[in-house]
Amino acid sequence: MNYIETHAHIYSTKFDSDRDQVIQEIRDAGIERVYMPNVDVSTIEAMLACEEKYPGLCIPMMGLHPCDVKEDFREQLVIMEDWLNKRQFAAIGEIGLDLYWDKTFFEQQKEALKIQISWAKERDLPIVLHCRDSMDETIAIVKAELDGKLKGIFHCFNGNLDQAEQIIEMGFLLGIGGVATFKNGGLDKVIPEISIEHLVLETDAPYLAPVPFRGKRNSPAYLPFIAEKIGDFLQLSKEEVALKTKENALNLFREIES
């Protein structure tokens, strides 16, 4: 079985002590690709170093995470747009809105999101959306930006069925991670009502490890546990989940030419 990991921060400092070992575990688990969302200007170098060291496996995106939208967000966006003009990236991400940690810069988050959506439209790239405690607000902005071509993933989806249906209607995919394995995660009421055609797998490593690793450092190697849980919800085999979510991911992301 080959899996596609659509969202992991494998370049995180949390992997600095044993990254080679983790990468081997990822390969052993059948993970074919790991798509890496950027966070801010400071993470670009480490992300691209991972791409260089593990070519074909670690694939970079470019974007400014909403939690890192501060007073200097415009300066950060200038640097990121320069990177987008210099080389290829698989997507614009991780971008979006976050009302969980800090609401101080919410207006700036919305502005940054709209700017980065415009990059995606100009370059015909998908977007990977962070929407913690801001699902409705993120859906509203994306809906207003739809142009018939805009597409992407609502990363770490943990919303309700109505929100899921709105996202699907817009032509976007739901990124399903460790929350699907949590006893009170809520996705047991949503995923059974959704076709596998609308889902992709992710871990958000090093965060949000699935059961039975909950509370520990997450890894893309744990993706099969998430696939198995989705299979339980949809009455599909783990193999079917791996195959279809791989197809969904590869249809979405741009191939980066070396």
C-alpha atoms as a PDB file:
ATOM      1  CA  MET A   1       0.000   0.000   0.000  1.00  0.00           C
ATOM      2  CA  ASN A   2       1.187   3.480  -0.820  1.00  0.00           C
ATOM      3  CA  TYR A   3      -0.120   6.499   1.071  1.00  0.00           C
ATOM      4  CA  ILE A   4       0.105  10.209   0.424  1.00  0.00           C
ATOM      5  CA  GLU A   5       0.672  12.404   3.472  1.00  0.00           C
ATOM      6  CA  THR A   6      -0.869  15.767   2.553  1.00  0.00           C
ATOM      7  CA  HIS A   7       0.211  17.764   5.617  1.00  0.00           C
ATOM      8  CA  ALA A   8       3.256  17.263   7.844  1.00  0.00           C
ATOM      9  CA  HIS A   9       5.885  19.604   9.278  1.00  0.00           C
ATOM     10  CA  ILE A  10       8.676  17.059   8.954  1.00  0.00           C
ATOM     11  CA  TYR A  11      11.189  19.932   8.916  1.00  0.00           C
ATOM     12  CA  SER A  12      10.135  20.902  12.470  1.00  0.00           C
ATOM     13  CA  THR A  13      12.881  21.156  15.090  1.00  0.00           C
ATOM     14  CA  LYS A  14      10.993  18.400  16.951  1.00  0.00           C
ATOM     15  CA  PHE A  15      12.520  15.973  14.401  1.00  0.00           C
ATOM     16  CA  ASP A  16      16.062  17.381  14.448  1.00  0.00           C
ATOM     17  CA  SER A  17      17.477  14.661  16.703  1.00  0.00           C
ATOM     18  CA  ASP A  18      16.238  11.649  14.694  1.00  0.00           C
ATOM     19  CA  ARG A  19      14.888  12.841  11.332  1.00  0.00           C
ATOM     20  CA  ASP A  20      16.720  10.193   9.282  1.00  0.00           C
ATOM     21  CA  GLN A  21      15.222   7.447  11.434  1.00  0.00           C
ATOM     22  CA  VAL A  22      11.728   8.964  11.164  1.00  0.00           C
ATOM     23  CA  ILE A  23      12.095   9.213   7.384  1.00  0.00           C
ATOM     24  CA  GLN A  24      13.007   5.525   7.232  1.00  0.00           C
ATOM     25  CA  GLU A  25       9.934   4.673   9.341  1.00  0.00           C
ATOM     26  CA  ILE A  26       7.831   6.780   6.964  1.00  0.00           C
ATOM     27  CA  ARG A  27       9.150   4.864   3.953  1.00  0.00           C
ATOM     28  CA  ASP A  28       8.669   1.532   5.748  1.00  0.00           C
ATOM     29  CA  ALA A  29       5.033   2.454   6.440  1.00  0.00           C
ATOM     30  CA  GLY A  30       4.423   2.876   2.706  1.00  0.00           C
ATOM     31  CA  ILE A  31       4.236   6.664   2.664  1.00  0.00           C
ATOM     32  CA  GLU A  32       5.046   7.695  -0.887  1.00  0.00           C
ATOM     33  CA  ARG A  33       5.040  11.470  -0.467  1.00  0.00           C
ATOM     34  CA  VAL A  34       4.973  13.968   2.385  1.00  0.00           C
ATOM     35  CA  TYR A  35       3.613  17.395   1.464  1.00  0.00           C
ATOM     36  CA  MET A  36       5.118  20.037   3.745  1.00  0.00           C
ATOM     37  CA  PRO A  37       3.175  23.208   4.574  1.00  0.00           C
ATOM     38  CA  ASN A  38       5.281  26.258   5.328  1.00  0.00           C
ATOM     39  CA  VAL A  39       4.714  28.312   8.503  1.00  0.00           C
ATOM     40  CA  ASP A  40       6.558  31.628   8.168  1.00  0.00           C
ATOM     41  CA  VAL A  41       9.733  33.115   6.691  1.00  0.00           C
ATOM     42  CA  SER A  42      11.896  31.459   9.350  1.00  0.00           C
ATOM     43  CA  THR A  43      10.822  27.918   8.357  1.00  0.00           C
ATOM     44  CA  ILE A  44      11.537  28.156   4.615  1.00  0.00           C
ATOM     45  CA  GLU A  45      15.205  27.180   4.843  1.00  0.00           C
ATOM     46  CA  ALA A  46      14.564  24.054   6.938  1.00  0.00           C
ATOM     47  CA  MET A  47      11.664  23.007   4.719  1.00  0.00           C
ATOM     48  CA  LEU A  48      13.718  23.308   1.526  1.00  0.00           C
ATOM     49  CA  ALA A  49      16.611  21.472   3.192  1.00  0.00           C
ATOM     50  CA  CYS A  50      14.260  18.539   3.784  1.00  0.00           C
ATOM     51  CA  GLU A  51      13.222  18.602   0.153  1.00  0.00           C
ATOM     52  CA  GLU A  52      16.880  18.526  -0.883  1.00  0.00           C
ATOM     53  CA  LYS A  53      17.858  15.738   1.501  1.00  0.00           C
ATOM     54  CA  TYR A  54      14.832  13.536   0.781  1.00  0.00           C
ATOM     55  CA  PRO A  55      14.022  14.256  -2.887  1.00  0.00           C
ATOM     56  CA  GLY A  56      10.783  12.869  -4.239  1.00  0.00           C
ATOM     57  CA  LEU A  57       9.479  12.231  -0.725  1.00  0.00           C
ATOM     58  CA  CYS A  58       9.320  15.674   0.917  1.00  0.00           C
ATOM     59  CA  ILE A  59       7.420  18.194  -1.215  1.00  0.00           C
ATOM     60  CA  PRO A  60       7.220  21.890  -0.181  1.00  0.00           C
ATOM     61  CA  MET A  61       4.363  24.391  -0.189  1.00  0.00           C
ATOM     62  CA  MET A  62       4.671  28.135   0.351  1.00  0.00           C
ATOM     63  CA  GLY A  63       2.502  30.268   2.605  1.00  0.00           C
ATOM     64  CA  LEU A  64       2.134  32.201   5.853  1.00  0.00           C
ATOM     65  CA  HIS A  65       0.358  30.385   8.691  1.00  0.00           C
ATOM     66  CA  PRO A  66      -2.422  32.517  10.233  1.00  0.00           C
ATOM     67  CA  CYS A  67      -0.944  32.181  13.731  1.00  0.00           C
ATOM     68  CA  ASP A  68       2.170  33.914  12.375  1.00  0.00           C
ATOM     69  CA  VAL A  69       0.322  36.858  10.861  1.00  0.00           C
ATOM     70  CA  LYS A  70       1.638  39.774  12.954  1.00  0.00           C
ATOM     71  CA  GLU A  71       2.547  43.434  12.349  1.00  0.00           C
ATOM     72  CA  ASP A  72       5.154  42.385   9.789  1.00  0.00           C
ATOM     73  CA  PHE A  73       2.911  40.122   7.715  1.00  0.00           C
ATOM     74  CA  ARG A  74       3.254  42.230   4.573  1.00  0.00           C
ATOM     75  CA  GLU A  75       7.051  42.006   4.715  1.00  0.00           C
ATOM     76  CA  GLN A  76       6.813  38.231   5.153  1.00  0.00           C
ATOM     77  CA  LEU A  77       4.448  37.970   2.181  1.00  0.00           C
ATOM     78  CA  VAL A  78       6.866  39.925  -0.025  1.00  0.00           C
ATOM     79  CA  ILE A  79       9.622  37.393   0.731  1.00  0.00           C
ATOM     80  CA  MET A  80       7.282  34.457   0.111  1.00  0.00           C
ATOM     81  CA  GLU A  81       6.024  35.850  -3.180  1.00  0.00           C
ATOM     82  CA  ASP A  82       9.641  36.252  -4.251  1.00  0.00           C
ATOM     83  CA  TRP A  83      10.172  32.540  -3.544  1.00  0.00           C
ATOM     84  CA  LEU A  84       7.091  31.697  -5.603  1.00  0.00           C
ATOM     85  CA  ASN A  85       8.553  33.660  -8.496  1.00  0.00           C
ATOM     86  CA  LYS A  86      11.916  31.849  -8.216  1.00  0.00           C
ATOM     87  CA  ARG A  87      10.865  28.189  -8.130  1.00  0.00           C
ATOM     88  CA  GLN A  88       7.932  25.780  -8.048  1.00  0.00           C
ATOM     89  CA  PHE A  89       5.880  24.787  -5.022  1.00  0.00           C
ATOM     90  CA  ALA A  90       3.107  22.194  -4.833  1.00  0.00           C
ATOM     91  CA  ALA A  91       0.568  24.531  -3.218  1.00  0.00           C
ATOM     92  CA  ILE A  92      -0.033  27.766  -1.341  1.00  0.00           C
ATOM     93  CA  GLY A  93      -0.108  26.734   2.292  1.00  0.00           C
ATOM     94  CA  GLU A  94      -0.507  26.659   5.141  1.00  0.00           C
ATOM     95  CA  ILE A  95      -2.816  29.667   5.009  1.00  0.00           C
ATOM     96  CA  GLY A  96      -6.142  30.538   6.584  1.00  0.00           C
ATOM     97  CA  LEU A  97      -7.672  31.833   9.789  1.00  0.00           C
ATOM     98  CA  ASP A  98      -7.197  30.995  13.465  1.00  0.00           C
ATOM     99  CA  LEU A  99      -9.474  32.219  16.253  1.00  0.00           C
ATOM    100  CA  TYR A 100      -8.201  29.738  18.825  1.00  0.00           C
ATOM    101  CA  TRP A 101      -4.889  31.210  19.929  1.00  0.00           C
ATOM    102  CA  ASP A 102      -5.059  34.947  19.403  1.00  0.00           C
ATOM    103  CA  LYS A 103      -7.699  37.220  17.873  1.00  0.00           C
ATOM    104  CA  THR A 104      -5.494  40.354  17.906  1.00  0.00           C
ATOM    105  CA  PHE A 105      -4.594  40.199  14.223  1.00  0.00           C
ATOM    106  CA  PHE A 106      -7.783  38.674  12.856  1.00  0.00           C
ATOM    107  CA  GLU A 107      -8.366  41.453  10.310  1.00  0.00           C
ATOM    108  CA  GLN A 108      -4.762  41.068   9.137  1.00  0.00           C
ATOM    109  CA  GLN A 109      -5.277  37.279   8.934  1.00  0.00           C
ATOM    110  CA  LYS A 110      -8.206  37.842   6.578  1.00  0.00           C
ATOM    111  CA  GLU A 111      -6.176  40.234   4.456  1.00  0.00           C
ATOM    112  CA  ALA A 112      -3.210  37.832   4.306  1.00  0.00           C
ATOM    113  CA  LEU A 113      -5.525  34.974   3.350  1.00  0.00           C
ATOM    114  CA  LYS A 114      -7.049  36.931   0.468  1.00  0.00           C
ATOM    115  CA  ILE A 115      -3.612  37.971  -0.817  1.00  0.00           C
ATOM    116  CA  GLN A 116      -2.379  34.389  -0.752  1.00  0.00           C
ATOM    117  CA  ILE A 117      -5.536  33.122  -2.462  1.00  0.00           C
ATOM    118  CA  SER A 118      -4.755  35.611  -5.238  1.00  0.00           C
ATOM    119  CA  TRP A 119      -1.292  34.007  -5.596  1.00  0.00           C
ATOM    120  CA  ALA A 120      -2.935  30.614  -6.009  1.00  0.00           C
ATOM    121  CA  LYS A 121      -5.256  31.933  -8.689  1.00  0.00           C
ATOM    122  CA  GLU A 122      -2.422  33.611 -10.600  1.00  0.00           C
ATOM    123  CA  ARG A 123      -0.329  30.428 -10.545  1.00  0.00           C
ATOM    124  CA  ASP A 124      -3.131  27.854 -10.780  1.00  0.00           C
ATOM    125  CA  LEU A 125      -2.072  26.279  -7.477  1.00  0.00           C
ATOM    126  CA  PRO A 126      -4.232  24.643  -4.792  1.00  0.00           C
ATOM    127  CA  ILE A 127      -4.521  26.186  -1.337  1.00  0.00           C
ATOM    128  CA  VAL A 128      -4.166  24.368   1.980  1.00  0.00           C
ATOM    129  CA  LEU A 129      -6.335  25.985   4.626  1.00  0.00           C
ATOM    130  CA  HIS A 130      -5.961  26.200   8.397  1.00  0.00           C
ATOM    131  CA  CYS A 131      -9.333  26.992   9.977  1.00  0.00           C
ATOM    132  CA  ARG A 132      -9.091  26.392  13.722  1.00  0.00           C
ATOM    133  CA  ASP A 133     -12.200  27.779  15.458  1.00  0.00           C
ATOM    134  CA  SER A 134     -12.866  29.680  12.223  1.00  0.00           C
ATOM    135  CA  MET A 135     -14.514  27.168   9.881  1.00  0.00           C
ATOM    136  CA  ASP A 136     -17.495  29.348   8.933  1.00  0.00           C
ATOM    137  CA  GLU A 137     -15.347  32.453   8.499  1.00  0.00           C
ATOM    138  CA  THR A 138     -12.889  30.559   6.276  1.00  0.00           C
ATOM    139  CA  ILE A 139     -15.670  29.016   4.192  1.00  0.00           C
ATOM    140  CA  ALA A 140     -17.187  32.475   3.658  1.00  0.00           C
ATOM    141  CA  ILE A 141     -13.930  33.979   2.363  1.00  0.00           C
ATOM    142  CA  VAL A 142     -13.187  31.027   0.086  1.00  0.00           C
ATOM    143  CA  LYS A 143     -16.746  31.023  -1.250  1.00  0.00           C
ATOM    144  CA  ALA A 144     -16.411  34.688  -2.197  1.00  0.00           C
ATOM    145  CA  GLU A 145     -13.122  33.949  -3.993  1.00  0.00           C
ATOM    146  CA  LEU A 146     -14.342  31.014  -6.095  1.00  0.00           C
ATOM    147  CA  ASP A 147     -13.587  31.431  -9.791  1.00  0.00           C
ATOM    148  CA  GLY A 148     -14.237  27.958 -11.171  1.00  0.00           C
ATOM    149  CA  LYS A 149     -10.573  26.946 -10.770  1.00  0.00           C
ATOM    150  CA  LEU A 150      -9.735  27.585  -7.098  1.00  0.00           C
ATOM    151  CA  LYS A 151      -9.300  24.303  -5.245  1.00  0.00           C
ATOM    152  CA  GLY A 152      -7.570  22.899  -2.217  1.00  0.00           C
ATOM    153  CA  ILE A 153      -7.851  21.232   1.182  1.00  0.00           C
ATOM    154  CA  PHE A 154      -9.515  22.264   4.408  1.00  0.00           C
ATOM    155  CA  HIS A 155      -6.716  20.922   6.577  1.00  0.00           C
ATOM    156  CA  CYS A 156      -7.459  19.200   9.889  1.00  0.00           C
ATOM    157  CA  PHE A 157     -11.195  19.200   9.223  1.00  0.00           C
ATOM    158  CA  ASN A 158     -13.180  18.796  12.433  1.00  0.00           C
ATOM    159  CA  GLY A 159     -16.424  20.557  11.517  1.00  0.00           C
ATOM    160  CA  ASN A 160     -20.015  19.389  11.217  1.00  0.00           C
ATOM    161  CA  LEU A 161     -21.807  17.781   8.276  1.00  0.00           C
ATOM    162  CA  ASP A 162     -23.262  21.067   7.005  1.00  0.00           C
ATOM    163  CA  GLN A 163     -19.793  22.618   6.884  1.00  0.00           C
ATOM    164  CA  ALA A 164     -18.398  19.511   5.187  1.00  0.00           C
ATOM    165  CA  GLU A 165     -21.116  19.667   2.531  1.00  0.00           C
ATOM    166  CA  GLN A 166     -20.410  23.358   1.873  1.00  0.00           C
ATOM    167  CA  ILE A 167     -16.702  22.603   1.433  1.00  0.00           C
ATOM    168  CA  ILE A 168     -17.430  19.709  -0.939  1.00  0.00           C
ATOM    169  CA  GLU A 169     -19.854  21.856  -2.940  1.00  0.00           C
ATOM    170  CA  MET A 170     -17.038  24.373  -3.450  1.00  0.00           C
ATOM    171  CA  GLY A 171     -14.916  21.573  -4.926  1.00  0.00           C
ATOM    172  CA  PHE A 172     -12.511  21.352  -1.983  1.00  0.00           C
ATOM    173  CA  LEU A 173     -11.221  18.287  -0.157  1.00  0.00           C
ATOM    174  CA  LEU A 174     -11.336  17.524   3.560  1.00  0.00           C
ATOM    175  CA  GLY A 175      -7.994  16.758   5.208  1.00  0.00           C
ATOM    176  CA  ILE A 176      -8.612  14.026   7.798  1.00  0.00           C
ATOM    177  CA  GLY A 177      -6.053  13.392  10.508  1.00  0.00           C
ATOM    178  CA  GLY A 178      -5.690  12.075  14.026  1.00  0.00           C
ATOM    179  CA  VAL A 179      -8.914  13.689  15.269  1.00  0.00           C
ATOM    180  CA  ALA A 180     -10.784  10.943  13.381  1.00  0.00           C
ATOM    181  CA  THR A 181      -9.395   8.434  15.907  1.00  0.00           C
ATOM    182  CA  PHE A 182     -10.347  10.457  18.994  1.00  0.00           C
ATOM    183  CA  LYS A 183     -13.282   9.099  21.010  1.00  0.00           C
ATOM    184  CA  ASN A 184     -14.987  12.505  21.182  1.00  0.00           C
ATOM    185  CA  GLY A 185     -13.528  13.967  17.982  1.00  0.00           C
ATOM    186  CA  GLY A 186     -16.966  14.272  16.376  1.00  0.00           C
ATOM    187  CA  LEU A 187     -15.941  12.954  12.964  1.00  0.00           C
ATOM    188  CA  ASP A 188     -17.805   9.685  13.604  1.00  0.00           C
ATOM    189  CA  LYS A 189     -20.964  11.670  12.821  1.00  0.00           C
ATOM    190  CA  VAL A 190     -19.576  13.264   9.652  1.00  0.00           C
ATOM    191  CA  ILE A 191     -17.285  10.886   7.760  1.00  0.00           C
ATOM    192  CA  PRO A 192     -19.899   8.091   7.353  1.00  0.00           C
ATOM    193  CA  GLU A 193     -22.031  10.598   5.424  1.00  0.00           C
ATOM    194  CA  ILE A 194     -19.242  11.589   3.001  1.00  0.00           C
ATOM    195  CA  SER A 195     -17.818   9.796  -0.010  1.00  0.00           C
ATOM    196  CA  ILE A 196     -14.130   8.854  -0.006  1.00  0.00           C
ATOM    197  CA  GLU A 197     -13.795  10.953  -3.196  1.00  0.00           C
ATOM    198  CA  HIS A 198     -13.754  14.063  -0.999  1.00  0.00           C
ATOM    199  CA  LEU A 199     -11.091  13.032   1.525  1.00  0.00           C
ATOM    200  CA  VAL A 200      -7.310  13.095   1.797  1.00  0.00           C
ATOM    201  CA  LEU A 201      -5.078  11.785   4.581  1.00  0.00           C
ATOM    202  CA  GLU A 202      -2.832  13.895   6.798  1.00  0.00           C
ATOM    203  CA  THR A 203      -1.158  13.778  10.188  1.00  0.00           C
ATOM    204  CA  ASP A 204      -0.127  17.401  10.869  1.00  0.00           C
ATOM    205  CA  ALA A 205       3.017  15.880  12.397  1.00  0.00           C
ATOM    206  CA  PRO A 206       4.505  16.561  14.885  1.00  0.00           C
ATOM    207  CA  TYR A 207       1.064  17.534  16.268  1.00  0.00           C
ATOM    208  CA  LEU A 208      -2.239  15.681  16.797  1.00  0.00           C
ATOM    209  CA  ALA A 209      -1.000  12.099  16.922  1.00  0.00           C
ATOM    210  CA  PRO A 210      -3.745   9.511  16.371  1.00  0.00           C
ATOM    211  CA  VAL A 211      -4.782   6.858  18.858  1.00  0.00           C
ATOM    212  CA  PRO A 212      -2.861   4.816  20.065  1.00  0.00           C
ATOM    213  CA  PHE A 213      -0.096   7.462  20.024  1.00  0.00           C
ATOM    214  CA  ARG A 214      -2.197  10.363  21.272  1.00  0.00           C
ATOM    215  CA  GLY A 215      -0.173  12.801  23.362  1.00  0.00           C
ATOM    216  CA  LYS A 216       3.123  11.765  21.774  1.00  0.00           C
ATOM    217  CA  ARG A 217       5.034  13.284  18.867  1.00  0.00           C
ATOM    218  CA  ASN A 218       3.131  12.588  15.672  1.00  0.00           C
ATOM    219  CA  SER A 219       4.688  11.155  12.505  1.00  0.00           C
ATOM    220  CA  PRO A 220       3.560  10.536   8.910  1.00  0.00           C
ATOM    221  CA  ALA A 221       4.369   6.886   9.671  1.00  0.00           C
ATOM    222  CA  TYR A 222       1.114   6.810  11.656  1.00  0.00           C
ATOM    223  CA  LEU A 223      -0.995   7.552   8.572  1.00  0.00           C
ATOM    224  CA  PRO A 224      -2.191   3.892   8.285  1.00  0.00           C
ATOM    225  CA  PHE A 225      -3.947   4.213  11.668  1.00  0.00           C
ATOM    226  CA  ILE A 226      -5.953   7.147  10.311  1.00  0.00           C
ATOM    227  CA  ALA A 227      -6.709   5.281   7.070  1.00  0.00           C
ATOM    228  CA  GLU A 228      -7.944   2.293   9.044  1.00  0.00           C
ATOM    229  CA  LYS A 229     -10.313   4.476  11.086  1.00  0.00           C
ATOM    230  CA  ILE A 230     -11.697   6.144   7.966  1.00  0.00           C
ATOM    231  CA  GLY A 231     -12.198   2.656   6.510  1.00  0.00           C
ATOM    232  CA  ASP A 232     -14.195   1.684   9.610  1.00  0.00           C
ATOM    233  CA  PHE A 233     -16.439   4.717   9.164  1.00  0.00           C
ATOM    234  CA  LEU A 234     -16.991   4.125   5.440  1.00  0.00           C
ATOM    235  CA  GLN A 235     -16.965   0.302   5.472  1.00  0.00           C
ATOM    236  CA  LEU A 236     -13.931   0.251   3.206  1.00  0.00           C
ATOM    237  CA  SER A 237     -10.678  -1.642   3.505  1.00  0.00           C
ATOM    238  CA  LYS A 238      -7.517   0.204   4.487  1.00  0.00           C
ATOM    239  CA  GLU A 239      -6.236  -0.590   0.993  1.00  0.00           C
ATOM    240  CA  GLU A 240      -9.235   1.118  -0.626  1.00  0.00           C
ATOM    241  CA  VAL A 241      -8.793   4.188   1.574  1.00  0.00           C
ATOM    242  CA  ALA A 242      -5.073   4.377   0.737  1.00  0.00           C
ATOM    243  CA  LEU A 243      -5.691   4.031  -3.003  1.00  0.00           C
ATOM    244  CA  LYS A 244      -8.515   6.555  -3.287  1.00  0.00           C
ATOM    245  CA  THR A 245      -7.017   9.208  -1.019  1.00  0.00           C
ATOM    246  CA  LYS A 246      -3.729   8.884  -2.913  1.00  0.00           C
ATOM    247  CA  GLU A 247      -5.602   9.467  -6.156  1.00  0.00           C
ATOM    248  CA  ASN A 248      -7.396  12.496  -4.678  1.00  0.00           C
ATOM    249  CA  ALA A 249      -4.119  14.024  -3.468  1.00  0.00           C
ATOM    250  CA  LEU A 250      -2.223  13.468  -6.704  1.00  0.00           C
ATOM    251  CA  ASN A 251      -5.082  14.969  -8.708  1.00  0.00           C
ATOM    252  CA  LEU A 252      -4.861  18.095  -6.554  1.00  0.00           C
ATOM    253  CA  PHE A 253      -1.179  18.880  -6.121  1.00  0.00           C
ATOM    254  CA  ARG A 254       1.067  20.174  -8.853  1.00  0.00           C
ATOM    255  CA  GLU A 255       4.058  18.073  -9.812  1.00  0.00           C
ATOM    256  CA  ILE A 256       7.295  19.913  -9.062  1.00  0.00           C
ATOM    257  CA  GLU A 257       9.815  19.559 -11.843  1.00  0.00           C
ATOM    258  CA  SER A 258      13.360  18.956 -10.635  1.00  0.00           C
END
